[in-house]
PDB file of N, CA and C in Angstrom:
ATOM      1  N   UNK A   1       1.326  25.033  70.268  1.00  0.00           N
ATOM      2  CA  UNK A   1       2.133  23.927  70.706  1.00  0.00           C
ATOM      3  C   UNK A   1       3.077  24.403  71.808  1.00  0.00           C
ATOM      4  N   UNK A   2       3.175  23.626  72.853  1.00  0.00           N
ATOM      5  CA  UNK A   2       4.061  23.953  73.965  1.00  0.00           C
ATOM      6  C   UNK A   2       5.438  23.376  73.696  1.00  0.00           C
ATOM      7  N   UNK A   3       6.443  24.169  73.935  1.00  0.00           N
ATOM      8  CA  UNK A   3       7.824  23.745  73.752  1.00  0.00           C
ATOM      9  C   UNK A   3       8.469  23.620  75.123  1.00  0.00           C
ATOM     10  N   UNK A   4       8.980  22.441  75.429  1.00  0.00           N
ATOM     11  CA  UNK A   4       9.669  22.206  76.693  1.00  0.00           C
ATOM     12  C   UNK A   4      11.151  22.545  76.489  1.00  0.00           C
ATOM     13  N   UNK A   5      11.624  23.556  77.212  1.00  0.00           N
ATOM     14  CA  UNK A   5      13.012  24.009  77.067  1.00  0.00           C
ATOM     15  C   UNK A   5      13.769  23.734  78.351  1.00  0.00           C
ATOM     16  N   UNK A   6      14.894  23.031  78.217  1.00  0.00           N
ATOM     17  CA  UNK A   6      15.759  22.729  79.350  1.00  0.00           C
ATOM     18  C   UNK A   6      17.123  23.356  79.091  1.00  0.00           C
ATOM     19  N   UNK A   7      17.589  24.160  80.036  1.00  0.00           N
ATOM     20  CA  UNK A   7      18.905  24.794  79.917  1.00  0.00           C
ATOM     21  C   UNK A   7      19.746  24.291  81.076  1.00  0.00           C
ATOM     22  N   UNK A   8      20.854  23.658  80.765  1.00  0.00           N
ATOM     23  CA  UNK A   8      21.658  22.977  81.778  1.00  0.00           C
ATOM     24  C   UNK A   8      22.897  23.765  82.217  1.00  0.00           C
ATOM     25  N   UNK A   9      22.960  25.031  81.893  1.00  0.00           N
ATOM     26  CA  UNK A   9      24.123  25.828  82.260  1.00  0.00           C
ATOM     27  C   UNK A   9      23.662  27.235  82.634  1.00  0.00           C
ATOM     28  N   UNK A  10      24.104  27.716  83.780  1.00  0.00           N
ATOM     29  CA  UNK A  10      23.672  29.037  84.264  1.00  0.00           C
ATOM     30  C   UNK A  10      24.075  30.158  83.310  1.00  0.00           C
ATOM     31  N   UNK A  11      25.261  30.080  82.745  1.00  0.00           N
ATOM     32  CA  UNK A  11      25.721  31.111  81.817  1.00  0.00           C
ATOM     33  C   UNK A  11      24.821  31.149  80.575  1.00  0.00           C
ATOM     34  N   UNK A  12      24.441  29.983  80.095  1.00  0.00           N
ATOM     35  CA  UNK A  12      23.565  29.912  78.934  1.00  0.00           C
ATOM     36  C   UNK A  12      22.159  30.394  79.259  1.00  0.00           C
ATOM     37  N   UNK A  13      21.706  30.177  80.485  1.00  0.00           N
ATOM     38  CA  UNK A  13      20.365  30.638  80.881  1.00  0.00           C
ATOM     39  C   UNK A  13      20.235  32.138  80.698  1.00  0.00           C
ATOM     40  N   UNK A  14      21.267  32.862  81.099  1.00  0.00           N
ATOM     41  CA  UNK A  14      21.239  34.325  80.974  1.00  0.00           C
ATOM     42  C   UNK A  14      21.180  34.736  79.506  1.00  0.00           C
ATOM     43  N   UNK A  15      21.997  34.094  78.678  1.00  0.00           N
ATOM     44  CA  UNK A  15      22.043  34.440  77.264  1.00  0.00           C
ATOM     45  C   UNK A  15      20.835  33.975  76.485  1.00  0.00           C
ATOM     46  N   UNK A  16      20.185  32.913  76.955  1.00  0.00           N
ATOM     47  CA  UNK A  16      19.079  32.335  76.209  1.00  0.00           C
ATOM     48  C   UNK A  16      17.852  33.226  76.199  1.00  0.00           C
ATOM     49  N   UNK A  17      17.640  34.003  77.224  1.00  0.00           N
ATOM     50  CA  UNK A  17      16.448  34.850  77.298  1.00  0.00           C
ATOM     51  C   UNK A  17      16.333  35.766  76.084  1.00  0.00           C
ATOM     52  N   UNK A  18      17.458  36.180  75.528  1.00  0.00           N
ATOM     53  CA  UNK A  18      17.448  37.043  74.347  1.00  0.00           C
ATOM     54  C   UNK A  18      16.893  36.319  73.123  1.00  0.00           C
ATOM     55  N   UNK A  19      16.999  34.989  73.084  1.00  0.00           N
ATOM     56  CA  UNK A  19      16.622  34.207  71.910  1.00  0.00           C
ATOM     57  C   UNK A  19      15.274  33.504  72.053  1.00  0.00           C
ATOM     58  N   UNK A  20      14.718  33.459  73.253  1.00  0.00           N
ATOM     59  CA  UNK A  20      13.519  32.657  73.513  1.00  0.00           C
ATOM     60  C   UNK A  20      12.373  32.963  72.535  1.00  0.00           C
ATOM     61  N   UNK A  21      12.063  34.220  72.341  1.00  0.00           N
ATOM     62  CA  UNK A  21      10.940  34.588  71.470  1.00  0.00           C
ATOM     63  C   UNK A  21      11.216  34.191  70.022  1.00  0.00           C
ATOM     64  N   UNK A  22      12.432  34.446  69.538  1.00  0.00           N
ATOM     65  CA  UNK A  22      12.786  34.094  68.163  1.00  0.00           C
ATOM     66  C   UNK A  22      12.727  32.586  67.947  1.00  0.00           C
ATOM     67  N   UNK A  23      13.193  31.833  68.928  1.00  0.00           N
ATOM     68  CA  UNK A  23      13.181  30.370  68.828  1.00  0.00           C
ATOM     69  C   UNK A  23      11.749  29.866  68.787  1.00  0.00           C
ATOM     70  N   UNK A  24      10.892  30.392  69.639  1.00  0.00           N
ATOM     71  CA  UNK A  24       9.485  29.982  69.634  1.00  0.00           C
ATOM     72  C   UNK A  24       8.819  30.285  68.289  1.00  0.00           C
ATOM     73  N   UNK A  25       9.148  31.428  67.687  1.00  0.00           N
ATOM     74  CA  UNK A  25       8.601  31.780  66.381  1.00  0.00           C
ATOM     75  C   UNK A  25       9.052  30.785  65.315  1.00  0.00           C
ATOM     76  N   UNK A  26      10.343  30.433  65.339  1.00  0.00           N
ATOM     77  CA  UNK A  26      10.869  29.484  64.353  1.00  0.00           C
ATOM     78  C   UNK A  26      10.222  28.111  64.524  1.00  0.00           C
ATOM     79  N   UNK A  27      10.027  27.700  65.761  1.00  0.00           N
ATOM     80  CA  UNK A  27       9.413  26.398  66.013  1.00  0.00           C
ATOM     81  C   UNK A  27       7.957  26.407  65.564  1.00  0.00           C
ATOM     82  N   UNK A  28       7.250  27.504  65.800  1.00  0.00           N
ATOM     83  CA  UNK A  28       5.866  27.613  65.355  1.00  0.00           C
ATOM     84  C   UNK A  28       5.758  27.511  63.838  1.00  0.00           C
ATOM     85  N   UNK A  29       6.736  28.044  63.122  1.00  0.00           N
ATOM     86  CA  UNK A  29       6.727  27.993  61.660  1.00  0.00           C
ATOM     87  C   UNK A  29       6.885  26.570  61.127  1.00  0.00           C
ATOM     88  N   UNK A  30       7.398  25.662  61.950  1.00  0.00           N
ATOM     89  CA  UNK A  30       7.544  24.271  61.519  1.00  0.00           C
ATOM     90  C   UNK A  30       6.185  23.639  61.219  1.00  0.00           C
ATOM     91  N   UNK A  31       5.124  24.204  61.772  1.00  0.00           N
ATOM     92  CA  UNK A  31       3.786  23.693  61.556  1.00  0.00           C
ATOM     93  C   UNK A  31       3.350  23.708  60.100  1.00  0.00           C
ATOM     94  N   UNK A  32       3.989  24.507  59.274  1.00  0.00           N
ATOM     95  CA  UNK A  32       3.623  24.555  57.860  1.00  0.00           C
ATOM     96  C   UNK A  32       4.093  23.315  57.100  1.00  0.00           C
ATOM     97  N   UNK A  33       4.983  22.526  57.703  1.00  0.00           N
ATOM     98  CA  UNK A  33       5.504  21.332  57.050  1.00  0.00           C
ATOM     99  C   UNK A  33       4.864  20.044  57.553  1.00  0.00           C
ATOM    100  N   UNK A  34       4.115  20.125  58.644  1.00  0.00           N
ATOM    101  CA  UNK A  34       3.460  18.945  59.201  1.00  0.00           C
ATOM    102  C   UNK A  34       2.164  19.381  59.879  1.00  0.00           C
ATOM    103  N   UNK A  35       1.134  18.565  59.709  1.00  0.00           N
ATOM    104  CA  UNK A  35      -0.162  18.904  60.281  1.00  0.00           C
ATOM    105  C   UNK A  35      -0.188  18.770  61.794  1.00  0.00           C
ATOM    106  N   UNK A  36       0.387  17.716  62.290  1.00  0.00           N
ATOM    107  CA  UNK A  36       0.307  17.415  63.712  1.00  0.00           C
ATOM    108  C   UNK A  36       1.708  17.415  64.334  1.00  0.00           C
ATOM    109  N   UNK A  37       2.023  18.455  65.038  1.00  0.00           N
ATOM    110  CA  UNK A  37       3.300  18.527  65.747  1.00  0.00           C
ATOM    111  C   UNK A  37       3.028  18.450  67.241  1.00  0.00           C
ATOM    112  N   UNK A  38       3.760  17.583  67.922  1.00  0.00           N
ATOM    113  CA  UNK A  38       3.561  17.378  69.354  1.00  0.00           C
ATOM    114  C   UNK A  38       4.911  17.264  70.057  1.00  0.00           C
ATOM    115  N   UNK A  39       4.886  17.486  71.338  1.00  0.00           N
ATOM    116  CA  UNK A  39       6.027  17.220  72.215  1.00  0.00           C
ATOM    117  C   UNK A  39       7.348  17.794  71.713  1.00  0.00           C
ATOM    118  N   UNK A  40       7.384  19.080  71.479  1.00  0.00           N
ATOM    119  CA  UNK A  40       8.630  19.729  71.089  1.00  0.00           C
ATOM    120  C   UNK A  40       9.511  19.882  72.322  1.00  0.00           C
ATOM    121  N   UNK A  41      10.774  19.526  72.188  1.00  0.00           N
ATOM    122  CA  UNK A  41      11.691  19.597  73.315  1.00  0.00           C
ATOM    123  C   UNK A  41      13.034  20.144  72.844  1.00  0.00           C
ATOM    124  N   UNK A  42      13.518  21.152  73.549  1.00  0.00           N
ATOM    125  CA  UNK A  42      14.803  21.774  73.249  1.00  0.00           C
ATOM    126  C   UNK A  42      15.669  21.691  74.495  1.00  0.00           C
ATOM    127  N   UNK A  43      16.881  21.164  74.341  1.00  0.00           N
ATOM    128  CA  UNK A  43      17.832  21.062  75.446  1.00  0.00           C
ATOM    129  C   UNK A  43      19.079  21.836  75.044  1.00  0.00           C
ATOM    130  N   UNK A  44      19.506  22.733  75.920  1.00  0.00           N
ATOM    131  CA  UNK A  44      20.687  23.554  75.662  1.00  0.00           C
ATOM    132  C   UNK A  44      21.684  23.310  76.783  1.00  0.00           C
ATOM    133  N   UNK A  45      22.950  23.086  76.413  1.00  0.00           N
ATOM    134  CA  UNK A  45      23.990  22.780  77.394  1.00  0.00           C
ATOM    135  C   UNK A  45      25.305  23.383  76.932  1.00  0.00           C
ATOM    136  N   UNK A  46      26.257  23.413  77.813  1.00  0.00           N
ATOM    137  CA  UNK A  46      27.589  23.914  77.520  1.00  0.00           C
ATOM    138  C   UNK A  46      28.532  22.717  77.444  1.00  0.00           C
ATOM    139  N   UNK A  47      29.297  22.628  76.389  1.00  0.00           N
ATOM    140  CA  UNK A  47      30.249  21.538  76.212  1.00  0.00           C
ATOM    141  C   UNK A  47      31.612  22.164  75.937  1.00  0.00           C
ATOM    142  N   UNK A  48      32.398  22.363  76.973  1.00  0.00           N
ATOM    143  CA  UNK A  48      33.675  23.064  76.822  1.00  0.00           C
ATOM    144  C   UNK A  48      33.407  24.513  76.471  1.00  0.00           C
ATOM    145  N   UNK A  49      33.969  24.953  75.357  1.00  0.00           N
ATOM    146  CA  UNK A  49      33.721  26.336  74.921  1.00  0.00           C
ATOM    147  C   UNK A  49      32.534  26.423  73.975  1.00  0.00           C
ATOM    148  N   UNK A  50      31.966  25.285  73.618  1.00  0.00           N
ATOM    149  CA  UNK A  50      30.861  25.244  72.668  1.00  0.00           C
ATOM    150  C   UNK A  50      29.503  25.192  73.357  1.00  0.00           C
ATOM    151  N   UNK A  51      28.494  25.647  72.638  1.00  0.00           N
ATOM    152  CA  UNK A  51      27.105  25.514  73.076  1.00  0.00           C
ATOM    153  C   UNK A  51      26.517  24.320  72.339  1.00  0.00           C
ATOM    154  N   UNK A  52      25.864  23.462  73.083  1.00  0.00           N
ATOM    155  CA  UNK A  52      25.271  22.258  72.524  1.00  0.00           C
ATOM    156  C   UNK A  52      23.752  22.402  72.571  1.00  0.00           C
ATOM    157  N   UNK A  53      23.089  22.180  71.443  1.00  0.00           N
ATOM    158  CA  UNK A  53      21.633  22.256  71.388  1.00  0.00           C
ATOM    159  C   UNK A  53      21.097  20.958  70.790  1.00  0.00           C
ATOM    160  N   UNK A  54      20.053  20.432  71.424  1.00  0.00           N
ATOM    161  CA  UNK A  54      19.367  19.240  70.928  1.00  0.00           C
ATOM    162  C   UNK A  54      17.891  19.579  70.819  1.00  0.00           C
ATOM    163  N   UNK A  55      17.287  19.205  69.712  1.00  0.00           N
ATOM    164  CA  UNK A  55      15.881  19.518  69.487  1.00  0.00           C
ATOM    165  C   UNK A  55      15.174  18.293  68.944  1.00  0.00           C
ATOM    166  N   UNK A  56      14.024  17.985  69.529  1.00  0.00           N
ATOM    167  CA  UNK A  56      13.215  16.877  69.017  1.00  0.00           C
ATOM    168  C   UNK A  56      11.750  17.295  69.001  1.00  0.00           C
ATOM    169  N   UNK A  57      11.033  16.724  68.042  1.00  0.00           N
ATOM    170  CA  UNK A  57       9.611  17.012  67.905  1.00  0.00           C
ATOM    171  C   UNK A  57       8.944  15.779  67.292  1.00  0.00           C
ATOM    172  N   UNK A  58       7.722  15.522  67.699  1.00  0.00           N
ATOM    173  CA  UNK A  58       6.975  14.370  67.202  1.00  0.00           C
ATOM    174  C   UNK A  58       5.916  14.830  66.208  1.00  0.00           C
ATOM    175  N   UNK A  59       5.762  14.041  65.146  1.00  0.00           N
ATOM    176  CA  UNK A  59       4.725  14.297  64.152  1.00  0.00           C
ATOM    177  C   UNK A  59       4.358  12.987  63.482  1.00  0.00           C
ATOM    178  N   UNK A  60       3.063  12.709  63.426  1.00  0.00           N
ATOM    179  CA  UNK A  60       2.562  11.514  62.749  1.00  0.00           C
ATOM    180  C   UNK A  60       3.252  10.233  63.209  1.00  0.00           C
ATOM    181  N   UNK A  61       3.466  10.107  64.484  1.00  0.00           N
ATOM    182  CA  UNK A  61       4.049   8.892  65.032  1.00  0.00           C
ATOM    183  C   UNK A  61       5.547   8.769  64.864  1.00  0.00           C
ATOM    184  N   UNK A  62       6.195   9.792  64.365  1.00  0.00           N
ATOM    185  CA  UNK A  62       7.643   9.768  64.168  1.00  0.00           C
ATOM    186  C   UNK A  62       8.296  10.861  65.000  1.00  0.00           C
ATOM    187  N   UNK A  63       9.534  10.616  65.377  1.00  0.00           N
ATOM    188  CA  UNK A  63      10.300  11.629  66.102  1.00  0.00           C
ATOM    189  C   UNK A  63      11.362  12.188  65.166  1.00  0.00           C
ATOM    190  N   UNK A  64      11.430  13.485  65.124  1.00  0.00           N
ATOM    191  CA  UNK A  64      12.446  14.173  64.341  1.00  0.00           C
ATOM    192  C   UNK A  64      13.422  14.794  65.337  1.00  0.00           C
ATOM    193  N   UNK A  65      14.710  14.528  65.137  1.00  0.00           N
ATOM    194  CA  UNK A  65      15.711  14.899  66.133  1.00  0.00           C
ATOM    195  C   UNK A  65      16.928  15.497  65.444  1.00  0.00           C
ATOM    196  N   UNK A  66      17.519  16.499  66.097  1.00  0.00           N
ATOM    197  CA  UNK A  66      18.756  17.093  65.602  1.00  0.00           C
ATOM    198  C   UNK A  66      19.603  17.559  66.774  1.00  0.00           C
ATOM    199  N   UNK A  67      20.900  17.598  66.537  1.00  0.00           N
ATOM    200  CA  UNK A  67      21.866  17.999  67.554  1.00  0.00           C
ATOM    201  C   UNK A  67      22.908  18.881  66.877  1.00  0.00           C
ATOM    202  N   UNK A  68      23.337  19.922  67.580  1.00  0.00           N
ATOM    203  CA  UNK A  68      24.324  20.826  67.003  1.00  0.00           C
ATOM    204  C   UNK A  68      25.243  21.372  68.090  1.00  0.00           C
ATOM    205  N   UNK A  69      26.503  21.457  67.766  1.00  0.00           N
ATOM    206  CA  UNK A  69      27.488  22.019  68.694  1.00  0.00           C
ATOM    207  C   UNK A  69      28.244  23.122  67.967  1.00  0.00           C
ATOM    208  N   UNK A  70      28.062  24.345  68.440  1.00  0.00           N
ATOM    209  CA  UNK A  70      28.706  25.516  67.843  1.00  0.00           C
ATOM    210  C   UNK A  70      29.259  26.396  68.958  1.00  0.00           C
ATOM    211  N   UNK A  71      30.140  27.313  68.614  1.00  0.00           N
ATOM    212  CA  UNK A  71      30.720  28.201  69.613  1.00  0.00           C
ATOM    213  C   UNK A  71      29.715  29.257  70.089  1.00  0.00           C
ATOM    214  N   UNK A  72      28.811  29.647  69.214  1.00  0.00           N
ATOM    215  CA  UNK A  72      27.839  30.687  69.538  1.00  0.00           C
ATOM    216  C   UNK A  72      26.471  30.038  69.754  1.00  0.00           C
ATOM    217  N   UNK A  73      25.825  30.384  70.850  1.00  0.00           N
ATOM    218  CA  UNK A  73      24.541  29.796  71.214  1.00  0.00           C
ATOM    219  C   UNK A  73      23.507  29.958  70.101  1.00  0.00           C
ATOM    220  N   UNK A  74      23.379  31.142  69.547  1.00  0.00           N
ATOM    221  CA  UNK A  74      22.373  31.394  68.514  1.00  0.00           C
ATOM    222  C   UNK A  74      22.604  30.496  67.293  1.00  0.00           C
ATOM    223  N   UNK A  75      23.843  30.257  66.922  1.00  0.00           N
ATOM    224  CA  UNK A  75      24.141  29.394  65.782  1.00  0.00           C
ATOM    225  C   UNK A  75      23.702  27.957  66.060  1.00  0.00           C
ATOM    226  N   UNK A  76      23.921  27.490  67.287  1.00  0.00           N
ATOM    227  CA  UNK A  76      23.490  26.136  67.661  1.00  0.00           C
ATOM    228  C   UNK A  76      21.980  26.012  67.585  1.00  0.00           C
ATOM    229  N   UNK A  77      21.280  26.990  68.120  1.00  0.00           N
ATOM    230  CA  UNK A  77      19.818  26.962  68.126  1.00  0.00           C
ATOM    231  C   UNK A  77      19.257  27.003  66.708  1.00  0.00           C
ATOM    232  N   UNK A  78      19.771  27.890  65.889  1.00  0.00           N
ATOM    233  CA  UNK A  78      19.305  27.987  64.506  1.00  0.00           C
ATOM    234  C   UNK A  78      19.597  26.706  63.732  1.00  0.00           C
ATOM    235  N   UNK A  79      20.756  26.140  63.978  1.00  0.00           N
ATOM    236  CA  UNK A  79      21.161  24.936  63.271  1.00  0.00           C
ATOM    237  C   UNK A  79      20.235  23.754  63.564  1.00  0.00           C
ATOM    238  N   UNK A  80      19.909  23.511  64.837  1.00  0.00           N
ATOM    239  CA  UNK A  80      19.059  22.356  65.148  1.00  0.00           C
ATOM    240  C   UNK A  80      17.651  22.525  64.586  1.00  0.00           C
ATOM    241  N   UNK A  81      17.131  23.726  64.632  1.00  0.00           N
ATOM    242  CA  UNK A  81      15.783  23.948  64.100  1.00  0.00           C
ATOM    243  C   UNK A  81      15.785  23.803  62.579  1.00  0.00           C
ATOM    244  N   UNK A  82      16.828  24.305  61.925  1.00  0.00           N
ATOM    245  CA  UNK A  82      16.935  24.154  60.475  1.00  0.00           C
ATOM    246  C   UNK A  82      17.067  22.680  60.075  1.00  0.00           C
ATOM    247  N   UNK A  83      17.802  21.910  60.850  1.00  0.00           N
ATOM    248  CA  UNK A  83      17.950  20.480  60.560  1.00  0.00           C
ATOM    249  C   UNK A  83      16.620  19.751  60.676  1.00  0.00           C
ATOM    250  N   UNK A  84      15.864  20.047  61.712  1.00  0.00           N
ATOM    251  CA  UNK A  84      14.559  19.408  61.887  1.00  0.00           C
ATOM    252  C   UNK A  84      13.608  19.877  60.783  1.00  0.00           C
ATOM    253  N   UNK A  85      13.699  21.134  60.392  1.00  0.00           N
ATOM    254  CA  UNK A  85      12.862  21.643  59.309  1.00  0.00           C
ATOM    255  C   UNK A  85      13.114  20.862  58.023  1.00  0.00           C
ATOM    256  N   UNK A  86      14.387  20.590  57.712  1.00  0.00           N
ATOM    257  CA  UNK A  86      14.712  19.812  56.514  1.00  0.00           C
ATOM    258  C   UNK A  86      14.129  18.403  56.606  1.00  0.00           C
ATOM    259  N   UNK A  87      14.197  17.803  57.806  1.00  0.00           N
ATOM    260  CA  UNK A  87      13.633  16.464  57.990  1.00  0.00           C
ATOM    261  C   UNK A  87      12.123  16.473  57.770  1.00  0.00           C
ATOM    262  N   UNK A  88      11.447  17.477  58.311  1.00  0.00           N
ATOM    263  CA  UNK A  88       9.996  17.584  58.146  1.00  0.00           C
ATOM    264  C   UNK A  88       9.620  17.802  56.678  1.00  0.00           C
ATOM    265  N   UNK A  89      10.385  18.637  55.971  1.00  0.00           N
ATOM    266  CA  UNK A  89      10.129  18.880  54.550  1.00  0.00           C
ATOM    267  C   UNK A  89      10.281  17.585  53.756  1.00  0.00           C
ATOM    268  N   UNK A  90      11.323  16.846  54.062  1.00  0.00           N
ATOM    269  CA  UNK A  90      11.582  15.582  53.367  1.00  0.00           C
ATOM    270  C   UNK A  90      10.430  14.607  53.603  1.00  0.00           C
ATOM    271  N   UNK A  91       9.960  14.517  54.832  1.00  0.00           N
ATOM    272  CA  UNK A  91       8.841  13.634  55.164  1.00  0.00           C
ATOM    273  C   UNK A  91       7.561  14.089  54.454  1.00  0.00           C
ATOM    274  N   UNK A  92       7.328  15.382  54.403  1.00  0.00           N
ATOM    275  CA  UNK A  92       6.147  15.915  53.720  1.00  0.00           C
ATOM    276  C   UNK A  92       6.212  15.603  52.229  1.00  0.00           C
ATOM    277  N   UNK A  93       7.400  15.714  51.640  1.00  0.00           N
ATOM    278  CA  UNK A  93       7.572  15.393  50.223  1.00  0.00           C
ATOM    279  C   UNK A  93       7.280  13.916  49.955  1.00  0.00           C
ATOM    280  N   UNK A  94       7.662  13.043  50.869  1.00  0.00           N
ATOM    281  CA  UNK A  94       7.383  11.612  50.723  1.00  0.00           C
ATOM    282  C   UNK A  94       5.882  11.367  50.682  1.00  0.00           C
ATOM    283  N   UNK A  95       5.151  12.010  51.587  1.00  0.00           N
ATOM    284  CA  UNK A  95       3.707  11.840  51.632  1.00  0.00           C
ATOM    285  C   UNK A  95       3.045  12.381  50.371  1.00  0.00           C
ATOM    286  N   UNK A  96       3.518  13.505  49.864  1.00  0.00           N
ATOM    287  CA  UNK A  96       2.969  14.095  48.650  1.00  0.00           C
ATOM    288  C   UNK A  96       3.227  13.182  47.462  1.00  0.00           C
ATOM    289  N   UNK A  97       4.427  12.646  47.359  1.00  0.00           N
ATOM    290  CA  UNK A  97       4.784  11.754  46.266  1.00  0.00           C
ATOM    291  C   UNK A  97       3.938  10.487  46.302  1.00  0.00           C
ATOM    292  N   UNK A  98       3.737   9.926  47.476  1.00  0.00           N
ATOM    293  CA  UNK A  98       2.928   8.712  47.602  1.00  0.00           C
ATOM    294  C   UNK A  98       1.481   8.972  47.179  1.00  0.00           C
ATOM    295  N   UNK A  99       0.941  10.111  47.565  1.00  0.00           N
ATOM    296  CA  UNK A  99      -0.439  10.427  47.202  1.00  0.00           C
ATOM    297  C   UNK A  99      -0.590  10.570  45.692  1.00  0.00           C
ATOM    298  N   UNK A 100       0.393  11.198  45.044  1.00  0.00           N
ATOM    299  CA  UNK A 100       0.318  11.367  43.601  1.00  0.00           C
ATOM    300  C   UNK A 100       0.421  10.022  42.877  1.00  0.00           C
ATOM    301  N   UNK A 101       1.265   9.139  43.360  1.00  0.00           N
ATOM    302  CA  UNK A 101       1.403   7.814  42.744  1.00  0.00           C
ATOM    303  C   UNK A 101       0.144   6.999  42.943  1.00  0.00           C
ATOM    304  N   UNK A 102      -0.476   7.101  44.125  1.00  0.00           N
ATOM    305  CA  UNK A 102      -1.698   6.348  44.407  1.00  0.00           C
ATOM    306  C   UNK A 102      -2.860   6.823  43.546  1.00  0.00           C
ATOM    307  N   UNK A 103      -2.879   8.095  43.208  1.00  0.00           N
ATOM    308  CA  UNK A 103      -3.959   8.655  42.380  1.00  0.00           C
ATOM    309  C   UNK A 103      -3.709   8.449  40.896  1.00  0.00           C
ATOM    310  N   UNK A 104      -2.546   7.900  40.550  1.00  0.00           N
ATOM    311  CA  UNK A 104      -2.234   7.653  39.150  1.00  0.00           C
ATOM    312  C   UNK A 104      -1.711   8.864  38.398  1.00  0.00           C
ATOM    313  N   UNK A 105      -1.266   9.869  39.115  1.00  0.00           N
ATOM    314  CA  UNK A 105      -0.765  11.079  38.453  1.00  0.00           C
ATOM    315  C   UNK A 105       0.693  10.973  38.147  1.00  0.00           C
TER     316      UNK A 105
END
């Protein structure tokens, strides 16, 4: 899956290179919670002294979105991916529950 990354601040661009590989690995791991992941987009910006990260990804016709503002760039990035991961897990649990009810279990 291709991840579209937009960095809107020169200072953050320099710091982001250290995290790019780790972020891609974390995003790839999201595939275990959904079969079809498409159009992953990460936007990183500077908001005062804070780093702002927004992450969205599409799966099964739905968009999962999270936003985080933290003082440290890595914390913002980890936070948005963790938030989307929780959303994907919740959606996967809904599908599992529906299948079990439909089968009479």
